[in-house]
C-alpha cells in the first residue's frame, strides 16, 4: 500500500491542505548541471557535521535547484526537506500566509513523516 498525502489526510479525517498547508511547487530539473557548491554543502554536512547551512544568492541563480538535488548527493538514508516559501510568486499574495511558522512547522513535520513512512515501508 502506498502512503501519500491523501492517505494521511484520510487517516486524520481532514483534507490534504490541513496537513500540507504550504505545498511546494518546485519542479525538479530534468537536466541538472551539478555545481561545485553541492560538494561543499555535502562536506559541511558529513565532515563538519553542520546542522544548519545558509545558502544565499540573488534570485534565479539556482539555490532551490541545488537543494532539490542534495538528497542524491548524501549517504543512503539521508533526508532533505525543502520548504518552498516562493511558491511560484504566491509569497506576494497576502491571502497566502506561507511565511508563518505554523504553516512551516505543519508542512515540514508532515513531509518528514511521509518520507519516514516511505523509508520504513521499503
Protein backbone atom coordinates (compact mmCIF):
# COMPACT_ATOMS: atom_id res chain seq x y z
CA UNK A 1 0.00 0.00 0.00
CA UNK A 2 1.30 3.42 -0.94
CA UNK A 3 1.07 6.15 1.66
CA UNK A 4 0.71 9.61 0.21
CA UNK A 5 -0.72 12.98 1.26
CA UNK A 6 -4.29 11.87 0.57
CA UNK A 7 -3.87 8.67 2.61
CA UNK A 8 -2.53 10.68 5.55
CA UNK A 9 -5.34 13.22 5.28
CA UNK A 10 -7.98 10.46 5.25
CA UNK A 11 -6.40 8.84 8.30
CA UNK A 12 -6.70 12.11 10.25
CA UNK A 13 -10.14 12.85 8.79
CA UNK A 14 -9.05 16.08 7.15
CA UNK A 15 -8.17 17.40 3.71
CA UNK A 16 -4.59 17.35 2.40
CA UNK A 17 -4.32 21.14 2.80
CA UNK A 18 -4.87 20.70 6.56
CA UNK A 19 -1.69 18.63 6.79
CA UNK A 20 0.25 20.27 3.95
CA UNK A 21 -0.67 23.99 4.08
CA UNK A 22 2.31 25.20 2.03
CA UNK A 23 2.65 22.65 -0.75
CA UNK A 24 5.82 23.08 -2.77
CA UNK A 25 5.61 24.00 -6.43
CA UNK A 26 9.29 23.27 -7.07
CA UNK A 27 9.77 21.25 -10.24
CA UNK A 28 12.86 19.06 -10.23
CA UNK A 29 15.08 19.86 -13.19
CA UNK A 30 15.49 17.07 -15.76
CA UNK A 31 18.81 18.49 -16.99
CA UNK A 32 20.55 19.37 -13.76
CA UNK A 33 24.11 20.63 -14.05
CA UNK A 34 25.86 19.90 -10.78
CA UNK A 35 27.53 22.89 -9.20
CA UNK A 36 30.68 22.95 -7.07
CA UNK A 37 28.67 24.30 -4.15
CA UNK A 38 26.91 20.91 -3.92
CA UNK A 39 30.16 19.21 -2.91
CA UNK A 40 30.89 21.99 -0.41
CA UNK A 41 27.47 21.55 1.19
CA UNK A 42 27.87 17.77 1.42
CA UNK A 43 31.28 18.22 3.07
CA UNK A 44 29.80 20.68 5.56
CA UNK A 45 27.03 18.22 6.44
CA UNK A 46 29.04 14.99 6.56
CA UNK A 47 32.56 16.03 7.59
CA UNK A 48 31.93 19.19 9.59
CA UNK A 49 28.60 17.86 10.96
CA UNK A 50 26.89 21.22 10.36
CA UNK A 51 23.23 21.17 11.31
CA UNK A 52 22.34 24.47 9.68
CA UNK A 53 23.57 25.77 6.35
CA UNK A 54 22.52 29.06 4.83
CA UNK A 55 22.58 29.18 1.06
CA UNK A 56 22.01 32.68 -0.28
CA UNK A 57 22.28 34.36 -3.66
CA UNK A 58 20.26 36.55 -5.96
CA UNK A 59 17.05 35.20 -7.49
CA UNK A 60 17.33 32.73 -10.33
CA UNK A 61 20.88 31.62 -9.57
CA UNK A 62 19.88 28.03 -8.67
CA UNK A 63 19.61 27.81 -4.88
CA UNK A 64 16.41 25.76 -4.98
CA UNK A 65 17.79 23.51 -7.71
CA UNK A 66 20.93 22.77 -5.68
CA UNK A 67 18.91 21.94 -2.57
CA UNK A 68 16.43 19.85 -4.59
CA UNK A 69 19.26 17.62 -5.79
CA UNK A 70 21.09 17.47 -2.47
CA UNK A 71 19.46 14.25 -1.22
CA UNK A 72 21.01 12.32 -4.13
CA UNK A 73 24.47 13.53 -3.04
CA UNK A 74 24.13 12.48 0.60
CA UNK A 75 24.59 8.97 2.03
CA UNK A 76 21.72 6.48 1.67
CA UNK A 77 19.11 7.10 4.34
CA UNK A 78 19.68 10.85 4.39
CA UNK A 79 16.58 13.01 4.06
CA UNK A 80 16.31 16.57 2.77
CA UNK A 81 13.28 18.75 3.42
CA UNK A 82 12.76 21.79 1.23
CA UNK A 83 10.33 24.47 2.36
CA UNK A 84 9.17 26.43 -0.68
CA UNK A 85 8.38 29.97 0.51
CA UNK A 86 8.35 31.38 -3.01
CA UNK A 87 5.68 29.04 -4.43
CA UNK A 88 5.84 30.48 -7.92
CA UNK A 89 5.37 34.04 -6.65
CA UNK A 90 2.45 33.34 -4.27
CA UNK A 91 4.56 34.71 -1.41
CA UNK A 92 3.50 38.17 -2.64
CA UNK A 93 -0.20 37.40 -2.05
CA UNK A 94 -1.20 38.44 1.49
CA UNK A 95 -4.02 35.86 1.48
CA UNK A 96 -1.47 33.01 1.33
CA UNK A 97 0.48 33.18 4.62
CA UNK A 98 3.35 30.91 3.55
CA UNK A 99 5.86 32.51 5.88
CA UNK A 100 4.05 31.81 9.14
CA UNK A 101 5.87 29.48 11.50
CA UNK A 102 2.65 27.49 11.99
CA UNK A 103 2.39 26.60 8.31
CA UNK A 104 6.09 25.86 8.06
CA UNK A 105 6.11 23.53 11.08
CA UNK A 106 2.97 21.66 9.97
CA UNK A 107 4.25 21.33 6.39
CA UNK A 108 7.76 20.19 7.32
CA UNK A 109 6.59 17.81 10.06
CA UNK A 110 4.19 16.04 7.75
CA UNK A 111 6.64 15.92 4.85
CA UNK A 112 9.15 14.31 7.21
CA UNK A 113 6.50 11.83 8.36
CA UNK A 114 5.75 10.89 4.74
CA UNK A 115 9.43 10.41 3.94
CA UNK A 116 9.99 8.30 7.06
CA UNK A 117 6.94 6.15 6.27
CA UNK A 118 8.35 5.60 2.79
CA UNK A 119 11.75 4.58 4.21
CA UNK A 120 10.12 2.18 6.69
CA UNK A 121 7.88 0.59 4.08
CA UNK A 122 10.76 -0.07 1.63
